[in-house]
Amino acid sequence: MRTLFCMSCLLSMPLMGQVPLIEAQVETDPIPAGFSDSDDAAIWRQPRNPEKSLILGTSKYEEDGLGGLGVYDLEGRQLQFFAGSKLNSVDIIGNLAVATNRSDMALDIYRISRGKVRFAGRAPLVDEKGDAFEPYGLCLAEGSDDAEVTVYLPTKSGILYQYTLDEKNKVRLESTRDLAALIKPEQDELIKSIVTKETIAEGEEEELEENLGERFILEGCVFDSETEKLYVGMENFGIWEIDTEESEARPELIIQVQGSWTDIKDWESADKPRVTDDIEGLDILHADGRSYLLFSSQGISEFTLYALDDVKWLGNFRIAFGSDAITLTDGLTVKSGDFGSAYPEGLLVVHDDENTAADGSVVHGNYKVVSLADMWDIFEIDTDE
């Protein structure tokens, strides 16, 4: 399952339409149970020996307590697995990893030391009314106190929660932002149309009412420590930018969904960015003195790159691992820097919704790992400048 591919293979890969295809270097061992149940990932960089860095990935498998957190090396081998709960999103800051636990309405907390991960506790979550609620997306930032971390939690209701997590694994609610309340009536009509088209295309008409009720769903988010800005994906509408240094700053929609993935052929030739509904994983990159936002467009199984300085769409790409095309990616994570000979400029880790083995059979879900050098080549970005 862990076949390595040469970086130069990218040059011989065919194009899918006008969207370039990048070859993944590695795939991780499958999660212990479930087929499309892997979700989000995070990268821990070993500062002294980057080749010994770790990939953490979540599993949402609900039966028999086999969901949890997997730990992998950069060759994709599973080193540890913490089973027991339905984990959705995970992020790392320093040697601290935090994941959203949808089984226990909590945050699961892990500490990383000497290349090993250990479970360090669980922090139950309550909202502004004191009621437990199901966490969904997650991203971390440095807290105002060295012993504290800021946790941002996007939810299915369109509300963004901000908590402080202290060194005793206690959480404190700091603020809430209702991003759904910022949607204008004409924008809401567009969102309803997109949700309806997607639901019908997937043959799930009986779920239309439920899907419309969750049309403002938030999940992917990332905090940019260089600018103190937070980016949050609203799956059916676009990406919000929030200036966290200004408490009264109004969130700004900087990237909008251009149409539904179900009818992209009707509008893709209109020189619009290939940004469709079901925006999922988000992450920030810094290179050549500029900031970039990378996100997964799950509806079309593509990855979208924007230059943030002028909010300019640079293009989309797809990923494959041999004959296994990476489809319907949920979470993704990127980290720049030298991670050894296989990843001299960093790596990108993506969830694969349908993990296909060499014999064509579908096996338990996993993650694919891409060299960032290959992605920069696609966009002709010189990171040495």
Protein backbone atom coordinates (compact mmCIF):
# COMPACT_ATOMS: atom_id res chain seq x y z
CA MET A 1 0.00 0.00 0.00
CA ARG A 2 2.97 2.35 0.40
CA THR A 3 4.43 2.73 -3.07
CA LEU A 4 6.72 5.71 -3.61
CA PHE A 5 6.53 7.71 -6.83
CA CYS A 6 9.23 9.88 -8.37
CA MET A 7 8.69 13.62 -8.33
CA SER A 8 9.44 13.85 -12.07
CA CYS A 9 6.42 11.65 -12.81
CA LEU A 10 4.32 14.83 -12.67
CA LEU A 11 5.75 15.93 -16.01
CA SER A 12 4.35 12.89 -17.81
CA MET A 13 0.88 12.92 -16.23
CA PRO A 14 -2.02 13.66 -18.59
CA LEU A 15 -4.45 16.51 -18.10
CA MET A 16 -8.09 15.95 -17.17
CA GLY A 17 -9.65 18.57 -19.40
CA GLN A 18 -7.81 21.77 -18.54
CA VAL A 19 -7.16 20.76 -14.93
CA PRO A 20 -3.63 19.43 -14.29
CA LEU A 21 -3.08 16.20 -12.40
CA ILE A 22 -0.41 15.79 -9.71
CA GLU A 23 0.92 12.40 -8.64
CA ALA A 24 0.94 11.74 -4.89
CA GLN A 25 4.20 10.47 -3.44
CA VAL A 26 2.75 8.20 -0.77
CA GLU A 27 -0.51 6.89 0.65
CA THR A 28 -0.99 6.07 4.31
CA ASP A 29 -2.08 2.74 5.66
CA PRO A 30 -5.88 2.51 5.63
CA ILE A 31 -7.75 3.51 8.78
CA PRO A 32 -8.74 0.44 10.84
CA ALA A 33 -12.44 0.55 9.87
CA GLY A 34 -14.71 2.39 7.45
CA PHE A 35 -14.44 3.24 3.79
CA SER A 36 -15.09 6.97 3.42
CA ASP A 37 -14.79 7.69 7.15
CA SER A 38 -11.33 9.25 7.21
CA ASP A 39 -11.65 13.04 7.28
CA ASP A 40 -9.13 15.67 8.37
CA ALA A 41 -5.36 15.64 8.84
CA ALA A 42 -2.59 17.67 10.47
CA ILE A 43 1.21 17.63 10.21
CA TRP A 44 3.62 17.74 13.14
CA ARG A 45 7.14 18.77 12.11
CA GLN A 46 10.03 17.16 13.96
CA PRO A 47 12.33 20.20 14.26
CA ARG A 48 15.64 18.36 14.54
CA ASN A 49 14.92 15.64 12.00
CA PRO A 50 12.07 16.68 9.67
CA GLU A 51 12.07 13.27 7.94
CA LYS A 52 10.75 11.89 11.25
CA SER A 53 7.72 14.20 11.19
CA LEU A 54 4.22 12.83 11.75
CA ILE A 55 0.84 12.95 10.04
CA LEU A 56 -2.26 12.79 12.23
CA GLY A 57 -5.56 11.80 10.62
CA THR A 58 -9.10 11.44 11.97
CA SER A 59 -11.66 8.67 11.51
CA LYS A 60 -15.43 9.21 11.82
CA TYR A 61 -16.27 5.51 11.85
CA GLU A 62 -19.17 5.21 14.29
CA GLU A 63 -19.57 1.47 14.90
CA ASP A 64 -17.93 -0.46 17.72
CA GLY A 65 -15.90 2.52 18.91
CA LEU A 66 -13.44 2.18 16.04
CA GLY A 67 -13.31 5.82 15.05
CA GLY A 68 -10.40 7.82 16.37
CA LEU A 69 -7.02 9.30 15.55
CA GLY A 70 -4.31 7.67 13.44
CA VAL A 71 -0.63 8.60 13.57
CA TYR A 72 1.53 7.98 10.47
CA ASP A 73 5.11 8.55 9.43
CA LEU A 74 6.00 10.28 6.16
CA GLU A 75 6.14 6.92 4.39
CA GLY A 76 2.51 6.35 5.33
CA ARG A 77 3.01 3.66 7.95
CA GLN A 78 0.56 3.67 10.84
CA LEU A 79 2.51 4.11 14.07
CA GLN A 80 -0.37 4.58 16.53
CA PHE A 81 -4.15 4.58 16.55
CA PHE A 82 -6.33 6.00 19.33
CA ALA A 83 -9.70 4.30 18.96
CA GLY A 84 -12.98 5.08 20.65
CA SER A 85 -14.77 8.12 19.24
CA LYS A 86 -16.04 9.78 16.08
CA LEU A 87 -13.35 12.37 15.40
CA ASN A 88 -13.91 14.92 12.66
CA SER A 89 -11.28 17.69 12.48
CA VAL A 90 -7.78 18.00 13.91
CA ASP A 91 -5.16 20.73 14.14
CA ILE A 92 -1.71 21.06 15.69
CA ILE A 93 0.02 24.00 17.32
CA GLY A 94 3.50 23.35 18.68
CA ASN A 95 3.37 19.95 20.38
CA LEU A 96 -0.37 20.14 21.04
CA ALA A 97 -2.96 18.40 18.87
CA VAL A 98 -6.71 18.94 19.31
CA ALA A 99 -9.54 17.09 17.55
CA THR A 100 -13.31 17.55 17.52
CA ASN A 101 -15.06 14.59 19.13
CA ARG A 102 -18.60 14.27 17.74
CA SER A 103 -19.42 11.22 19.85
CA ASP A 104 -18.81 12.88 23.21
CA MET A 105 -19.50 16.54 22.28
CA ALA A 106 -15.96 17.45 23.28
CA LEU A 107 -12.42 18.26 22.26
CA ASP A 108 -9.91 15.40 22.41
CA ILE A 109 -6.46 16.62 23.39
CA TYR A 110 -3.11 15.02 22.56
CA ARG A 111 0.48 15.86 23.38
CA ILE A 112 3.43 15.05 21.13
CA SER A 113 6.85 14.30 22.59
CA ARG A 114 9.89 12.54 21.12
CA GLY A 115 7.95 11.43 18.09
CA LYS A 116 5.17 9.83 20.12
CA VAL A 117 1.59 10.97 20.56
CA ARG A 118 -0.28 10.48 23.82
CA PHE A 119 -3.88 11.14 24.72
CA ALA A 120 -3.88 13.99 27.26
CA GLY A 121 -7.54 14.47 28.09
CA ARG A 122 -11.00 15.47 26.93
CA ALA A 123 -12.70 18.85 27.26
CA PRO A 124 -16.54 18.80 27.13
CA LEU A 125 -18.09 21.65 25.14
CA VAL A 126 -21.11 23.81 25.93
CA ASP A 127 -22.53 26.72 23.98
CA GLU A 128 -23.56 30.18 25.18
CA LYS A 129 -26.70 28.66 26.78
CA GLY A 130 -24.73 26.04 28.67
CA ASP A 131 -25.96 23.24 26.39
CA ALA A 132 -23.73 20.54 24.93
CA PHE A 133 -23.38 20.69 21.17
CA GLU A 134 -21.76 18.68 18.41
CA PRO A 135 -18.42 20.20 17.32
CA TYR A 136 -17.53 19.99 13.65
CA GLY A 137 -14.64 21.95 12.12
CA LEU A 138 -11.63 23.16 14.10
CA CYS A 139 -8.50 25.30 13.84
CA LEU A 140 -6.05 26.56 16.45
CA ALA A 141 -4.19 29.78 17.16
CA GLU A 142 -1.83 31.02 19.85
CA GLY A 143 -3.69 32.33 22.89
CA SER A 144 -3.09 35.63 24.67
CA ASP A 145 -1.40 33.67 27.46
CA ASP A 146 1.49 31.29 26.75
CA ALA A 147 -0.36 28.57 28.64
CA GLU A 148 -3.51 28.97 26.55
CA VAL A 149 -4.57 28.18 23.00
CA THR A 150 -7.42 29.71 21.00
CA VAL A 151 -9.77 27.17 19.43
CA TYR A 152 -12.09 28.16 16.58
CA LEU A 153 -15.05 25.84 16.03
CA PRO A 154 -17.18 26.25 12.87
CA THR A 155 -20.53 24.43 13.13
CA LYS A 156 -23.32 23.05 10.96
CA SER A 157 -25.60 25.89 12.06
CA GLY A 158 -23.43 28.62 10.55
CA ILE A 159 -22.19 29.79 13.95
CA LEU A 160 -18.47 30.15 14.63
CA TYR A 161 -17.46 29.59 18.26
CA GLN A 162 -14.22 30.81 19.79
CA TYR A 163 -12.90 29.09 22.92
CA THR A 164 -9.80 29.32 25.06
CA LEU A 165 -8.17 26.00 26.00
CA ASP A 166 -5.88 26.15 29.04
CA GLU A 167 -3.04 23.89 30.18
CA LYS A 168 -5.46 21.98 32.45
CA ASN A 169 -7.60 21.03 29.42
CA LYS A 170 -10.41 23.36 30.45
CA VAL A 171 -12.27 25.35 27.81
CA ARG A 172 -13.81 28.80 28.13
CA LEU A 173 -16.21 30.27 25.58
CA GLU A 174 -14.95 33.66 24.41
CA SER A 175 -17.27 34.66 21.59
CA THR A 176 -19.71 33.57 18.91
CA ARG A 177 -20.12 34.87 15.37
CA ASP A 178 -23.27 34.05 13.44
CA LEU A 179 -22.05 33.97 9.84
CA ALA A 180 -25.42 32.72 8.63
CA ALA A 181 -26.97 35.99 9.80
CA LEU A 182 -24.78 37.88 7.33
CA ILE A 183 -26.36 36.19 4.32
CA LYS A 184 -28.57 38.51 2.26
CA PRO A 185 -31.93 37.28 0.88
CA GLU A 186 -30.69 37.10 -2.72
CA GLN A 187 -27.61 35.20 -1.57
CA ASP A 188 -29.79 32.80 0.36
CA GLU A 189 -31.78 32.06 -2.78
CA LEU A 190 -28.55 31.13 -4.53
CA ILE A 191 -27.55 28.86 -1.64
CA LYS A 192 -30.96 27.17 -1.64
CA SER A 193 -30.69 26.59 -5.39
CA ILE A 194 -27.23 25.05 -5.05
CA VAL A 195 -28.28 22.76 -2.18
CA THR A 196 -31.38 21.65 -4.09
CA LYS A 197 -29.41 20.85 -7.26
CA GLU A 198 -26.82 18.86 -5.32
CA THR A 199 -29.42 16.91 -3.35
CA ILE A 200 -31.35 15.95 -6.48
CA ALA A 201 -28.17 15.04 -8.39
CA GLU A 202 -27.22 12.64 -5.59
CA GLY A 203 -30.68 11.03 -5.60
CA GLU A 204 -31.39 12.10 -2.02
CA GLU A 205 -34.63 14.03 -2.46
CA GLU A 206 -35.93 12.66 0.83
CA GLU A 207 -33.11 14.55 2.58
CA LEU A 208 -33.79 17.88 0.88
CA GLU A 209 -35.55 19.48 3.85
CA GLU A 210 -32.73 18.48 6.19
CA ASN A 211 -30.08 19.69 3.76
CA LEU A 212 -31.80 23.04 3.33
CA GLY A 213 -31.95 23.35 7.12
CA GLU A 214 -28.15 22.98 7.19
CA ARG A 215 -27.44 25.10 4.13
CA PHE A 216 -25.14 27.49 6.06
CA ILE A 217 -22.86 24.70 7.25
CA LEU A 218 -19.31 25.72 8.24
CA GLU A 219 -16.42 23.28 8.56
CA GLY A 220 -13.01 24.08 7.14
CA CYS A 221 -11.03 26.87 8.79
CA VAL A 222 -7.45 28.07 9.14
CA PHE A 223 -5.77 30.83 11.15
CA ASP A 224 -2.97 32.82 9.51
CA SER A 225 -0.53 33.70 12.29
CA GLU A 226 1.29 36.21 10.07
CA THR A 227 -1.76 38.40 9.46
CA GLU A 228 -3.92 37.43 12.47
CA LYS A 229 -6.74 36.63 10.05
CA LEU A 230 -9.07 33.68 10.21
CA TYR A 231 -10.51 31.99 7.11
CA VAL A 232 -13.71 29.93 7.40
CA GLY A 233 -15.39 27.93 4.67
CA MET A 234 -19.18 27.99 4.27
CA GLU A 235 -19.59 24.83 2.20
CA ASN A 236 -22.38 26.03 -0.09
CA PHE A 237 -21.42 29.69 -0.41
CA GLY A 238 -17.75 30.61 -0.07
CA ILE A 239 -14.90 31.58 2.24
CA TRP A 240 -15.06 34.26 4.94
CA GLU A 241 -12.11 36.32 6.14
CA ILE A 242 -12.18 37.58 9.74
CA ASP A 243 -9.71 40.05 11.21
CA THR A 244 -9.26 38.64 14.71
CA GLU A 245 -7.33 41.69 15.94
CA GLU A 246 -10.43 43.85 15.53
CA SER A 247 -13.18 42.55 17.79
CA GLU A 248 -15.81 44.60 15.98
CA ALA A 249 -14.56 43.75 12.49
CA ARG A 250 -17.29 42.41 10.24
CA PRO A 251 -16.44 39.11 8.49
CA GLU A 252 -15.91 39.59 4.76
CA LEU A 253 -16.78 37.04 2.09
CA ILE A 254 -13.65 37.06 -0.09
CA ILE A 255 -14.29 33.99 -2.27
CA GLN A 256 -17.77 33.03 -3.45
CA VAL A 257 -19.01 29.80 -4.96
CA GLN A 258 -19.60 30.48 -8.66
CA GLY A 259 -22.20 27.77 -9.17
CA SER A 260 -23.14 24.20 -8.37
CA TRP A 261 -20.85 21.33 -9.28
CA THR A 262 -23.91 19.74 -10.89
CA ASP A 263 -23.93 22.31 -13.70
CA ILE A 264 -20.29 23.45 -13.85
CA LYS A 265 -20.23 22.76 -17.61
CA ASP A 266 -22.76 25.55 -18.05
CA TRP A 267 -20.55 28.23 -16.52
CA GLU A 268 -16.92 27.06 -16.51
CA SER A 269 -16.25 28.61 -19.92
CA ALA A 270 -17.31 32.04 -18.67
CA ASP A 271 -13.81 32.64 -17.27
CA LYS A 272 -15.05 32.12 -13.73
CA PRO A 273 -12.94 30.48 -11.02
CA ARG A 274 -13.69 26.77 -10.67
CA VAL A 275 -15.17 27.25 -7.20
CA THR A 276 -18.21 25.08 -6.58
CA ASP A 277 -20.30 24.08 -3.59
CA ASP A 278 -18.91 21.79 -0.92
CA ILE A 279 -15.83 23.76 0.03
CA GLU A 280 -14.08 21.61 2.63
CA GLY A 281 -10.49 21.65 3.90
CA LEU A 282 -8.58 24.96 4.04
CA ASP A 283 -4.95 25.81 4.72
CA ILE A 284 -2.50 28.70 4.35
CA LEU A 285 0.85 28.72 2.57
CA HIS A 286 3.57 31.37 2.55
CA ALA A 287 6.05 31.42 -0.31
CA ASP A 288 7.98 33.96 -2.43
CA GLY A 289 6.87 36.70 -0.03
CA ARG A 290 3.19 36.05 -0.68
CA SER A 291 0.31 34.30 1.10
CA TYR A 292 -1.77 31.59 -0.53
CA LEU A 293 -5.02 29.87 0.41
CA LEU A 294 -5.51 26.27 -0.66
CA PHE A 295 -8.84 24.48 -0.31
CA SER A 296 -10.60 21.34 -1.48
CA SER A 297 -13.61 21.68 -3.78
CA GLN A 298 -15.20 18.39 -2.78
CA GLY A 299 -18.03 18.52 -5.31
CA ILE A 300 -15.65 18.33 -8.28
CA SER A 301 -12.79 16.43 -6.59
CA GLU A 302 -10.37 19.29 -7.19
CA PHE A 303 -8.05 21.54 -5.19
CA THR A 304 -8.15 25.31 -5.57
CA LEU A 305 -5.32 27.78 -5.03
CA TYR A 306 -5.77 31.53 -4.44
CA ALA A 307 -3.20 34.27 -3.93
CA LEU A 308 -4.51 36.09 -0.86
CA ASP A 309 -2.75 39.43 -1.35
CA ASP A 310 -5.10 40.32 -4.18
CA VAL A 311 -7.58 37.43 -3.73
CA LYS A 312 -6.70 36.08 -7.17
CA TRP A 313 -7.69 32.63 -8.39
CA LEU A 314 -4.58 30.84 -9.67
CA GLY A 315 -6.23 27.61 -10.75
CA ASN A 316 -7.31 24.11 -9.79
CA PHE A 317 -5.62 20.73 -9.88
CA ARG A 318 -6.44 17.09 -9.20
CA ILE A 319 -4.41 14.40 -7.45
CA ALA A 320 -3.94 10.69 -8.14
CA PHE A 321 -1.93 7.89 -6.57
CA GLY A 322 -1.18 5.61 -9.46
CA SER A 323 -4.56 4.51 -10.82
CA ASP A 324 -6.35 5.72 -7.67
CA ALA A 325 -7.82 9.15 -8.39
CA ILE A 326 -8.33 11.12 -5.18
CA THR A 327 -12.04 11.93 -5.01
CA LEU A 328 -14.38 14.01 -2.86
CA THR A 329 -11.62 15.22 -0.54
CA ASP A 330 -12.81 16.48 2.83
CA GLY A 331 -9.93 17.65 5.01
CA LEU A 332 -6.48 18.71 3.83
CA THR A 333 -3.36 20.15 5.43
CA VAL A 334 -0.15 21.68 4.10
CA LYS A 335 3.15 22.61 5.67
CA SER A 336 6.07 24.34 3.99
CA GLY A 337 9.74 23.73 4.74
CA ASP A 338 12.31 21.03 4.20
CA PHE A 339 10.96 17.61 5.18
CA GLY A 340 13.78 15.63 3.60
CA SER A 341 14.59 14.48 0.09
CA ALA A 342 11.03 13.40 -0.77
CA TYR A 343 9.54 16.72 0.36
CA PRO A 344 12.21 19.42 -0.04
CA GLU A 345 9.69 22.28 -0.02
CA GLY A 346 6.97 20.76 2.18
CA LEU A 347 4.00 18.46 1.84
CA LEU A 348 0.27 18.40 1.25
CA VAL A 349 -1.89 15.70 2.87
CA VAL A 350 -5.41 15.04 1.59
CA HIS A 351 -8.26 12.74 2.57
CA ASP A 352 -9.37 10.29 -0.12
CA ASP A 353 -13.09 9.52 -0.08
CA GLU A 354 -12.69 6.27 -2.06
CA ASN A 355 -9.42 4.47 -1.45
CA THR A 356 -8.87 2.07 -4.34
CA ALA A 357 -6.38 -0.78 -4.07
CA ALA A 358 -4.15 -1.96 -6.93
CA ASP A 359 -6.63 -4.72 -7.81
CA GLY A 360 -9.45 -2.19 -8.18
CA SER A 361 -11.20 -3.06 -4.92
CA VAL A 362 -12.30 -0.31 -2.54
CA VAL A 363 -10.63 -0.60 0.86
CA HIS A 364 -10.75 1.36 4.11
CA GLY A 365 -10.18 5.11 3.80
CA ASN A 366 -6.77 6.74 3.99
CA TYR A 367 -4.69 9.83 3.14
CA LYS A 368 -2.51 10.72 0.18
CA VAL A 369 0.70 12.76 0.49
CA VAL A 370 1.92 15.18 -2.19
CA SER A 371 5.22 17.05 -2.50
CA LEU A 372 4.61 20.80 -2.43
CA ALA A 373 7.38 21.19 -5.00
CA ASP A 374 5.07 19.50 -7.50
CA MET A 375 2.23 21.86 -6.72
CA TRP A 376 4.43 24.94 -7.09
CA ASP A 377 5.60 23.61 -10.47
CA ILE A 378 2.00 23.42 -11.67
CA PHE A 379 1.50 27.14 -10.96
CA GLU A 380 5.03 28.13 -12.06
CA ILE A 381 5.69 29.72 -8.68
CA ASP A 382 9.38 30.07 -7.84
CA THR A 383 9.66 29.62 -4.08
CA ASP A 384 13.37 30.51 -4.12
CA GLU A 385 12.67 34.18 -4.84
